[in-house]
Amino acid sequence: QVQLVESGGGLVQAGGSLRLSCAASGRTFSNYAMGWFRQAPGKEREFVATINWSDGNTYYPDSVKGRFTISRDNAKNTVYLQMNSLKAEDTAVYYCAARYGTTWNRAYWGQGTQVTVSS
């Protein structure tokens, strides 16, 4: 039983920045990693960023690399997604996830938070 609470979504103009937060509570001892995914209207869910809980290694797809940064606060079981140089194509519902297995098919998910980038 893991609960994820997201915050920070909203409306921002292209070129601007936004910071998302995701706090995990409950039985977090089995977490391997936390991360962010997004889903734009009419499109499949897309991997955005992940951070391994054990060693802090981070991973990004080319679409956000250099613009987005995932970080963690170990004491609070919280991850952040700093999004800079936002583009209209970044508009999506962003979901926080806490992975407890070796793949993201074994994960808890947040409700999602809307990020809208206007051009």
Protein backbone atom coordinates (compact mmCIF):
# COMPACT_ATOMS: atom_id res chain seq x y z
CA GLN A 1 0.00 0.00 0.00
CA VAL A 2 1.72 3.11 -1.29
CA GLN A 3 0.08 6.48 -1.72
CA LEU A 4 1.45 9.10 -4.07
CA VAL A 5 0.57 12.77 -3.77
CA GLU A 6 1.44 15.01 -6.68
CA SER A 7 1.55 18.77 -6.86
CA GLY A 8 2.91 21.53 -9.03
CA GLY A 9 1.01 21.14 -12.27
CA GLY A 10 -0.56 24.05 -14.02
CA LEU A 11 -0.46 26.40 -16.96
CA VAL A 12 2.80 27.90 -18.17
CA GLN A 13 3.93 29.68 -21.30
CA ALA A 14 6.41 28.15 -23.70
CA GLY A 15 9.96 28.68 -22.52
CA GLY A 16 8.90 28.78 -18.91
CA SER A 17 9.55 26.41 -16.05
CA LEU A 18 7.50 24.26 -13.74
CA ARG A 19 8.39 22.03 -10.81
CA LEU A 20 6.39 18.92 -10.01
CA SER A 21 6.52 17.13 -6.67
CA CYS A 22 5.52 13.61 -5.72
CA ALA A 23 5.47 12.43 -2.13
CA ALA A 24 5.23 8.70 -1.44
CA SER A 25 3.88 7.31 1.80
CA GLY A 26 3.02 3.90 3.14
CA ARG A 27 5.06 0.77 2.54
CA THR A 28 7.86 2.35 0.59
CA PHE A 29 10.58 -0.02 1.76
CA SER A 30 10.23 -2.19 -1.33
CA ASN A 31 10.55 0.66 -3.83
CA TYR A 32 13.26 0.23 -6.42
CA ALA A 33 12.73 3.53 -8.18
CA MET A 34 10.44 6.48 -8.62
CA GLY A 35 9.70 8.25 -11.82
CA TRP A 36 7.50 10.34 -14.04
CA PHE A 37 5.42 9.44 -17.07
CA ARG A 38 3.15 11.56 -19.20
CA GLN A 39 0.25 11.05 -21.53
CA ALA A 40 -0.84 13.62 -24.07
CA PRO A 41 -4.31 13.57 -25.63
CA GLY A 42 -4.60 10.79 -28.18
CA LYS A 43 -1.14 9.44 -27.45
CA GLU A 44 0.35 6.56 -25.52
CA ARG A 45 1.91 6.94 -22.11
CA GLU A 46 5.50 8.11 -22.38
CA PHE A 47 8.43 7.65 -20.05
CA VAL A 48 9.80 10.97 -18.83
CA ALA A 49 12.32 10.35 -16.06
CA THR A 50 13.26 7.90 -13.36
CA ILE A 51 15.61 7.80 -10.42
CA ASN A 52 16.85 4.66 -8.73
CA TRP A 53 16.26 4.76 -5.01
CA SER A 54 19.38 2.78 -4.13
CA ASP A 55 22.07 4.68 -5.99
CA GLY A 56 20.37 7.82 -7.29
CA ASN A 57 21.06 7.05 -10.95
CA THR A 58 18.75 8.96 -13.28
CA TYR A 59 17.46 8.23 -16.76
CA TYR A 60 15.75 10.38 -19.38
CA PRO A 61 14.53 9.97 -22.93
CA ASP A 62 15.98 12.21 -25.59
CA SER A 63 12.76 14.22 -25.74
CA VAL A 64 13.40 15.82 -22.35
CA LYS A 65 17.10 15.31 -21.77
CA GLY A 66 18.80 18.58 -20.96
CA ARG A 67 15.52 20.28 -20.08
CA PHE A 68 14.05 18.12 -17.31
CA THR A 69 15.75 17.04 -14.11
CA ILE A 70 14.52 14.47 -11.62
CA SER A 71 15.75 14.64 -8.06
CA ARG A 72 14.91 13.11 -4.71
CA ASP A 73 14.59 13.84 -1.03
CA ASN A 74 15.32 10.50 0.59
CA ALA A 75 14.13 11.52 4.05
CA LYS A 76 10.69 12.41 2.73
CA ASN A 77 10.40 9.75 0.02
CA THR A 78 9.74 12.57 -2.38
CA VAL A 79 10.80 13.08 -5.96
CA TYR A 80 10.74 16.24 -8.00
CA LEU A 81 10.65 16.98 -11.68
CA GLN A 82 12.13 20.32 -12.63
CA MET A 83 10.97 21.21 -16.12
CA ASN A 84 12.72 24.02 -17.94
CA SER A 85 12.43 25.41 -21.45
CA LEU A 86 8.95 23.99 -21.72
CA LYS A 87 7.47 23.41 -25.15
CA ALA A 88 3.90 23.06 -26.33
CA GLU A 89 4.54 19.36 -26.97
CA ASP A 90 5.23 18.90 -23.25
CA THR A 91 1.53 19.42 -22.61
CA ALA A 92 0.22 16.25 -21.01
CA VAL A 93 -1.05 14.68 -17.85
CA TYR A 94 2.01 13.83 -15.79
CA TYR A 95 1.93 10.77 -13.56
CA CYS A 96 4.18 9.95 -10.66
CA ALA A 97 5.06 6.29 -10.17
CA ALA A 98 6.78 4.23 -7.51
CA ARG A 99 8.18 0.99 -8.87
CA TYR A 100 8.37 -2.01 -6.57
CA GLY A 101 9.45 -4.58 -9.14
CA THR A 102 11.93 -4.87 -11.95
CA THR A 103 9.60 -3.30 -14.51
CA TRP A 104 7.16 -0.41 -14.45
CA ASN A 105 4.31 -2.91 -14.76
CA ARG A 106 4.83 -3.38 -11.04
CA ALA A 107 4.32 0.11 -9.72
CA TYR A 108 1.98 2.36 -7.80
CA TRP A 109 0.68 5.41 -9.61
CA GLY A 110 -0.48 8.85 -8.65
CA GLN A 111 -3.64 10.52 -9.88
CA GLY A 112 -1.83 12.59 -12.46
CA THR A 113 -1.43 16.33 -12.72
CA GLN A 114 -2.16 18.42 -15.78
CA VAL A 115 0.66 20.41 -17.33
CA THR A 116 -0.37 22.79 -20.07
CA VAL A 117 2.18 24.76 -22.05
CA SER A 118 0.82 27.59 -24.15
CA SER A 119 2.65 28.88 -27.21
